[in-house]
């Protein structure tokens, strides 16, 4: 996935509470069986479940290791923490599942998009400033049964989306009572990037209807046209469920979604013996929207990153920016 996913702070997925912490971290990735280091990065959202317990969701990009371009989601990571130095320093250790996509290459054949589930162990140290700015250093150990094992060492900045009443982390924020979304119609334009060496790209566009079902749950129906990025020319209908939450007095809404993409691949059919189907694919998305503008409270500006997950080696990332109307 492209580094612009950071703009969505993507992983702002977890949680049924009103405040949280968002982080963007950069550093290096090392395969455990190799001394080589590669640039990697991570975006994470954390939510307190108490003074000594934290839950998080994050996106991890492990970079371009030899023969592997792997990234993925840590959708739910549980942390134990202790808060020191008048709650300015928080030390934590956590564990969770890692859902990954790996573009692998070999001299003998074409690139493949491989998907799987592994595990991640993490340790972090976070410093809390009075300004709600955060500094964090962390280490992740990723373990898989069908892919490589890696260690990532990262450091970066974070922000408390709502101010705590005392210095340090907010233990248990109050719940949100209203729906994050009522109705929203958005027109998108952006870019499609194919997850293969060379990263062929093309313009993309789409239209989306979003409906709030519960305070933290949205449902969307959308049409997406990926245009013509050399390896695939797809368009089709998308339906997703989203975990969502508003912040900053309802001026910012963040969330992530997953669902089905009923597609038409106009460029090519599945080759004999290749397996898979071009009819239906999976989709995982992250979104951030700005709204309640003083000049027009009904307008919204939204950025969304979509990962199209196929079973015939034509995964794509679709980055979209849109203007919408809420009603």
Protein backbone atom coordinates (compact mmCIF):
# COMPACT_ATOMS: atom_id res chain seq x y z
CA UNK A 1 0.00 0.00 0.00
CA UNK A 2 1.14 3.52 -0.73
CA UNK A 3 2.35 5.76 2.10
CA UNK A 4 -0.61 8.09 1.51
CA UNK A 5 -2.65 5.71 3.64
CA UNK A 6 -1.21 7.65 6.54
CA UNK A 7 -3.55 10.51 5.65
CA UNK A 8 -6.46 8.30 6.62
CA UNK A 9 -4.76 7.36 9.90
CA UNK A 10 -6.35 4.27 8.92
CA UNK A 11 -6.51 2.20 11.64
CA UNK A 12 -8.79 4.32 13.51
CA UNK A 13 -11.06 1.41 13.61
CA UNK A 14 -11.37 0.09 17.03
CA UNK A 15 -13.54 1.23 19.64
CA UNK A 16 -16.83 2.30 20.95
CA UNK A 17 -15.50 5.23 22.88
CA UNK A 18 -15.24 8.93 22.32
CA UNK A 19 -11.52 9.53 22.46
CA UNK A 20 -8.36 7.79 21.43
CA UNK A 21 -4.78 8.14 20.27
CA UNK A 22 -3.56 8.10 16.67
CA UNK A 23 0.06 7.37 15.75
CA UNK A 24 2.21 7.47 12.61
CA UNK A 25 5.54 5.66 12.95
CA UNK A 26 8.53 5.10 10.66
CA UNK A 27 11.57 2.86 10.90
CA UNK A 28 13.09 -0.34 9.56
CA UNK A 29 12.09 -3.94 8.88
CA UNK A 30 14.42 -6.92 9.14
CA UNK A 31 13.65 -10.48 8.12
CA UNK A 32 14.68 -12.66 11.05
CA UNK A 33 16.82 -14.89 8.82
CA UNK A 34 18.62 -11.98 7.12
CA UNK A 35 20.70 -8.98 8.33
CA UNK A 36 19.22 -6.67 5.66
CA UNK A 37 17.14 -3.69 6.83
CA UNK A 38 14.34 -2.13 4.76
CA UNK A 39 12.21 1.00 5.37
CA UNK A 40 8.84 0.30 7.00
CA UNK A 41 6.02 2.28 8.58
CA UNK A 42 2.87 1.87 10.66
CA UNK A 43 -0.33 3.81 11.42
CA UNK A 44 -2.19 2.93 14.60
CA UNK A 45 -5.22 3.87 16.68
CA UNK A 46 -5.31 3.09 20.43
CA UNK A 47 -8.17 3.13 22.91
CA UNK A 48 -7.95 2.76 26.67
CA UNK A 49 -9.95 0.03 28.39
CA UNK A 50 -8.68 1.04 31.82
CA UNK A 51 -5.56 2.28 33.54
CA UNK A 52 -3.57 -0.84 32.66
CA UNK A 53 -5.32 -2.22 29.56
CA UNK A 54 -5.35 -0.88 25.97
CA UNK A 55 -6.78 -2.08 22.66
CA UNK A 56 -5.43 -0.99 19.27
CA UNK A 57 -5.90 -1.43 15.52
CA UNK A 58 -3.17 -0.69 13.00
CA UNK A 59 -1.84 -0.93 9.48
CA UNK A 60 1.75 -2.18 9.05
CA UNK A 61 3.79 -1.84 5.86
CA UNK A 62 6.93 -3.95 6.09
CA UNK A 63 8.50 -2.51 2.94
CA UNK A 64 10.11 -4.20 -0.06
CA UNK A 65 12.11 -7.12 1.27
CA UNK A 66 13.87 -9.41 -1.24
CA UNK A 67 11.12 -11.33 -3.09
CA UNK A 68 8.47 -9.99 -0.67
CA UNK A 69 6.35 -6.84 -0.56
CA UNK A 70 4.21 -7.42 2.50
CA UNK A 71 1.76 -5.28 4.40
CA UNK A 72 -1.32 -5.93 6.47
CA UNK A 73 -3.72 -5.13 9.25
CA UNK A 74 -3.50 -5.83 12.96
CA UNK A 75 -7.27 -5.47 13.48
CA UNK A 76 -7.29 -6.06 17.23
CA UNK A 77 -4.26 -5.98 19.52
CA UNK A 78 -4.57 -6.22 23.29
CA UNK A 79 -1.97 -4.42 25.41
CA UNK A 80 -1.05 -4.42 29.07
CA UNK A 81 0.55 -1.17 30.21
CA UNK A 82 2.02 0.60 33.20
CA UNK A 83 2.10 4.39 33.55
CA UNK A 84 5.15 5.96 35.19
CA UNK A 85 6.63 9.41 35.98
CA UNK A 86 3.29 11.00 36.96
CA UNK A 87 1.65 9.16 34.02
CA UNK A 88 3.85 10.89 31.44
CA UNK A 89 5.56 7.64 30.37
CA UNK A 90 3.52 4.58 29.38
CA UNK A 91 5.21 1.22 28.82
CA UNK A 92 3.15 -1.49 27.10
CA UNK A 93 3.37 -5.01 25.67
CA UNK A 94 0.74 -6.50 23.36
CA UNK A 95 -0.32 -9.39 21.16
CA UNK A 96 -2.73 -9.77 18.25
CA UNK A 97 -3.43 -11.34 14.82
CA UNK A 98 -1.82 -10.06 11.61
CA UNK A 99 -3.86 -10.28 8.38
CA UNK A 100 -1.39 -9.78 5.55
CA UNK A 101 -1.07 -9.49 1.79
CA UNK A 102 2.30 -10.39 0.29
CA UNK A 103 3.34 -9.76 -3.31
CA UNK A 104 6.00 -12.40 -3.95
CA UNK A 105 8.36 -12.67 -6.91
CA UNK A 106 10.62 -15.45 -8.16
CA UNK A 107 12.98 -15.58 -11.15
CA UNK A 108 11.04 -18.56 -12.48
CA UNK A 109 7.55 -17.06 -12.70
CA UNK A 110 5.21 -14.07 -12.46
CA UNK A 111 4.43 -12.17 -9.28
CA UNK A 112 1.79 -13.60 -6.97
CA UNK A 113 -0.54 -11.95 -4.44
CA UNK A 114 -0.51 -14.23 -1.40
CA UNK A 115 -2.76 -13.72 1.63
CA UNK A 116 -2.61 -15.19 5.11
CA UNK A 117 -2.88 -14.75 8.86
CA UNK A 118 -0.02 -14.61 11.33
CA UNK A 119 0.61 -13.17 14.76
CA UNK A 120 2.37 -10.10 16.12
CA UNK A 121 4.00 -9.38 19.47
CA UNK A 122 4.66 -5.74 20.28
CA UNK A 123 6.38 -3.56 22.89
CA UNK A 124 6.11 0.23 23.07
CA UNK A 125 7.15 3.26 25.13
CA UNK A 126 4.97 6.40 24.82
CA UNK A 127 5.68 9.87 26.21
CA UNK A 128 2.74 12.23 26.89
CA UNK A 129 3.19 16.00 26.54
CA UNK A 130 0.78 18.59 27.99
CA UNK A 131 -0.10 19.66 24.43
CA UNK A 132 -1.71 16.21 23.69
CA UNK A 133 1.27 15.47 21.42
CA UNK A 134 2.74 11.99 21.87
CA UNK A 135 6.09 10.39 21.07
CA UNK A 136 6.38 6.64 20.72
CA UNK A 137 9.07 4.04 20.09
CA UNK A 138 8.06 0.44 19.44
CA UNK A 139 9.12 -2.98 18.20
CA UNK A 140 6.95 -5.56 16.40
CA UNK A 141 7.78 -9.22 15.96
CA UNK A 142 5.67 -10.72 13.15
CA UNK A 143 5.40 -14.52 12.97
CA UNK A 144 3.72 -16.51 10.19
CA UNK A 145 3.51 -20.17 9.22
CA UNK A 146 3.46 -19.72 5.43
CA UNK A 147 5.53 -16.56 4.92
CA UNK A 148 8.59 -14.83 6.36
CA UNK A 149 9.06 -13.70 9.98
CA UNK A 150 10.13 -10.09 10.57
CA UNK A 151 11.07 -7.57 13.24
CA UNK A 152 10.17 -3.90 12.78
CA UNK A 153 11.69 -1.12 14.91
CA UNK A 154 9.77 2.16 14.63
CA UNK A 155 9.47 5.63 16.16
CA UNK A 156 6.95 8.38 15.51
CA UNK A 157 4.44 10.91 16.73
CA UNK A 158 0.87 10.66 17.95
CA UNK A 159 -2.01 12.83 19.08
CA UNK A 160 -4.76 12.51 21.68
CA UNK A 161 -7.94 13.20 19.75
CA UNK A 162 -9.69 14.40 22.90
CA UNK A 163 -7.97 15.94 25.91
CA UNK A 164 -7.79 13.82 29.07
CA UNK A 165 -8.83 15.31 32.41
CA UNK A 166 -5.44 14.40 33.94
CA UNK A 167 -1.94 14.12 32.44
CA UNK A 168 -1.20 10.94 30.52
CA UNK A 169 -3.48 8.43 28.78
CA UNK A 170 -7.25 8.60 29.04
CA UNK A 171 -8.33 5.37 30.82
CA UNK A 172 -12.00 5.09 29.77
CA UNK A 173 -13.58 7.75 27.55
CA UNK A 174 -17.38 8.21 27.60
CA UNK A 175 -19.45 6.48 24.89
CA UNK A 176 -20.89 8.10 21.77
CA UNK A 177 -24.69 8.21 21.86
CA UNK A 178 -25.58 9.54 18.41
CA UNK A 179 -25.03 7.90 15.02
CA UNK A 180 -21.78 8.90 13.34
CA UNK A 181 -23.63 9.14 10.00
CA UNK A 182 -27.23 9.68 8.95
CA UNK A 183 -27.17 9.73 5.13
CA UNK A 184 -24.28 10.76 2.89
CA UNK A 185 -23.77 10.78 -0.90
CA UNK A 186 -20.19 11.23 -2.16
CA UNK A 187 -18.51 11.49 -5.56
CA UNK A 188 -14.89 10.25 -5.62
CA UNK A 189 -11.88 10.64 -7.90
CA UNK A 190 -8.43 9.16 -7.36
CA UNK A 191 -5.87 6.56 -8.43
CA UNK A 192 -5.65 2.79 -8.81
CA UNK A 193 -2.28 1.09 -8.16
CA UNK A 194 -1.74 -2.57 -9.10
CA UNK A 195 0.12 -4.63 -6.49
CA UNK A 196 2.75 -6.01 -8.83
CA UNK A 197 6.35 -5.01 -9.59
CA UNK A 198 6.26 -1.77 -11.54
CA UNK A 199 3.04 -0.66 -9.78
CA UNK A 200 1.01 0.20 -12.88
CA UNK A 201 -1.49 2.97 -12.06
CA UNK A 202 -4.51 4.70 -13.53
CA UNK A 203 -7.15 7.26 -12.68
CA UNK A 204 -10.20 5.94 -10.83
CA UNK A 205 -13.61 7.28 -9.88
CA UNK A 206 -16.62 6.17 -7.86
CA UNK A 207 -19.87 7.18 -6.20
CA UNK A 208 -20.96 6.08 -2.72
CA UNK A 209 -24.11 6.16 -0.59
CA UNK A 210 -23.47 5.86 3.17
CA UNK A 211 -26.11 5.14 5.80
CA UNK A 212 -25.66 5.04 9.57
CA UNK A 213 -27.20 1.95 11.16
CA UNK A 214 -25.93 2.35 14.75
CA UNK A 215 -23.71 4.86 16.58
CA UNK A 216 -20.57 3.00 15.49
CA UNK A 217 -21.82 1.15 12.40
CA UNK A 218 -22.30 2.39 8.81
CA UNK A 219 -23.37 0.55 5.65
CA UNK A 220 -22.30 1.71 2.18
CA UNK A 221 -23.27 0.86 -1.38
CA UNK A 222 -20.91 2.16 -4.06
CA UNK A 223 -19.92 1.90 -7.70
CA UNK A 224 -16.17 1.89 -8.45
CA UNK A 225 -14.41 2.21 -11.81
CA UNK A 226 -10.71 1.34 -11.61
CA UNK A 227 -10.18 2.45 -15.23
CA UNK A 228 -7.27 0.81 -17.07
CA UNK A 229 -4.10 0.15 -15.01
CA UNK A 230 -2.58 -2.22 -17.63
CA UNK A 231 -3.16 -5.48 -15.75
CA UNK A 232 -6.84 -5.10 -14.96
CA UNK A 233 -9.71 -2.92 -16.13
CA UNK A 234 -12.36 -3.48 -13.47
CA UNK A 235 -15.52 -1.80 -12.34
CA UNK A 236 -18.43 -2.94 -10.25
CA UNK A 237 -20.63 -2.68 -7.18
CA UNK A 238 -19.26 -2.54 -3.61
CA UNK A 239 -21.11 -3.17 -0.35
CA UNK A 240 -19.30 -2.68 2.97
CA UNK A 241 -19.97 -2.54 6.69
CA UNK A 242 -17.92 0.07 8.58
CA UNK A 243 -16.83 0.64 12.17
CA UNK A 244 -16.89 4.44 12.55
CA UNK A 245 -16.49 7.18 15.16
CA UNK A 246 -16.61 10.98 15.23
CA UNK A 247 -14.03 13.16 16.97
CA UNK A 248 -13.22 16.82 17.60
CA UNK A 249 -16.84 17.89 18.21
CA UNK A 250 -18.05 16.02 15.10
CA UNK A 251 -15.64 17.81 12.74
CA UNK A 252 -13.71 14.59 12.05
CA UNK A 253 -14.99 11.06 11.44
CA UNK A 254 -12.74 8.01 11.09
CA UNK A 255 -13.40 4.37 10.35
CA UNK A 256 -12.63 1.16 8.51
CA UNK A 257 -14.77 -1.22 6.49
CA UNK A 258 -14.86 -4.62 4.86
CA UNK A 259 -17.17 -6.18 2.31
CA UNK A 260 -17.64 -7.56 -1.19
CA UNK A 261 -16.74 -6.14 -4.61
CA UNK A 262 -18.85 -7.60 -7.46
CA UNK A 263 -16.58 -6.84 -10.40
CA UNK A 264 -16.23 -7.00 -14.15
CA UNK A 265 -12.67 -7.43 -15.44
CA UNK A 266 -12.89 -6.14 -19.01
CA UNK A 267 -9.25 -6.70 -19.91
CA UNK A 268 -8.96 -10.44 -19.51
CA UNK A 269 -10.63 -13.60 -18.28
CA UNK A 270 -8.99 -16.04 -15.89
CA UNK A 271 -6.48 -18.15 -17.78
CA UNK A 272 -6.99 -21.95 -17.84
CA UNK A 273 -5.45 -23.47 -14.74
CA UNK A 274 -4.94 -20.11 -13.02
CA UNK A 275 -7.87 -20.56 -10.66
CA UNK A 276 -9.91 -17.86 -8.98
CA UNK A 277 -12.75 -15.75 -10.25
CA UNK A 278 -12.96 -12.22 -11.62
CA UNK A 279 -16.64 -11.99 -10.62
CA UNK A 280 -16.31 -11.33 -6.88
CA UNK A 281 -13.44 -10.01 -4.76
CA UNK A 282 -13.00 -8.86 -1.18
CA UNK A 283 -12.39 -5.26 -0.16
CA UNK A 284 -10.88 -3.72 2.99
CA UNK A 285 -11.02 0.05 3.42
CA UNK A 286 -10.08 2.93 5.70
CA UNK A 287 -11.63 6.39 5.60
CA UNK A 288 -11.41 9.86 7.16
CA UNK A 289 -13.86 12.71 6.60
CA UNK A 290 -13.91 16.39 7.52
CA UNK A 291 -17.39 17.86 8.04
CA UNK A 292 -19.54 20.46 9.78
CA UNK A 293 -17.80 23.28 7.94
CA UNK A 294 -18.85 26.74 9.15
CA UNK A 295 -19.75 27.81 5.60
CA UNK A 296 -21.81 24.67 4.86
CA UNK A 297 -22.50 22.07 7.61
CA UNK A 298 -23.99 19.60 5.09
CA UNK A 299 -20.83 19.24 2.98
CA UNK A 300 -18.11 16.70 3.72
CA UNK A 301 -14.61 16.07 2.34
CA UNK A 302 -13.64 12.40 2.49
CA UNK A 303 -10.49 10.40 1.73
CA UNK A 304 -10.71 6.61 1.42
CA UNK A 305 -8.10 3.94 0.78
CA UNK A 306 -9.34 0.59 -0.57
CA UNK A 307 -7.45 -2.67 -0.86
CA UNK A 308 -9.04 -4.97 -3.46
CA UNK A 309 -8.25 -8.57 -2.49
CA UNK A 310 -8.46 -11.06 -5.38
CA UNK A 311 -7.78 -14.78 -5.70
CA UNK A 312 -6.22 -14.46 -9.16
CA UNK A 313 -3.17 -12.25 -8.46
CA UNK A 314 -4.69 -8.88 -9.42
CA UNK A 315 -4.83 -7.08 -6.06
CA UNK A 316 -5.02 -3.29 -6.26
CA UNK A 317 -4.94 -0.27 -3.96
CA UNK A 318 -7.47 2.44 -4.83
CA UNK A 319 -6.94 5.90 -3.27
CA UNK A 320 -9.98 8.17 -3.49
CA UNK A 321 -10.79 11.75 -2.52
CA UNK A 322 -14.40 12.90 -2.61
CA UNK A 323 -16.85 15.65 -1.86
CA UNK A 324 -20.14 14.63 -0.34
CA UNK A 325 -23.49 15.88 0.88
CA UNK A 326 -25.01 14.83 4.22
CA UNK A 327 -28.75 14.70 4.73
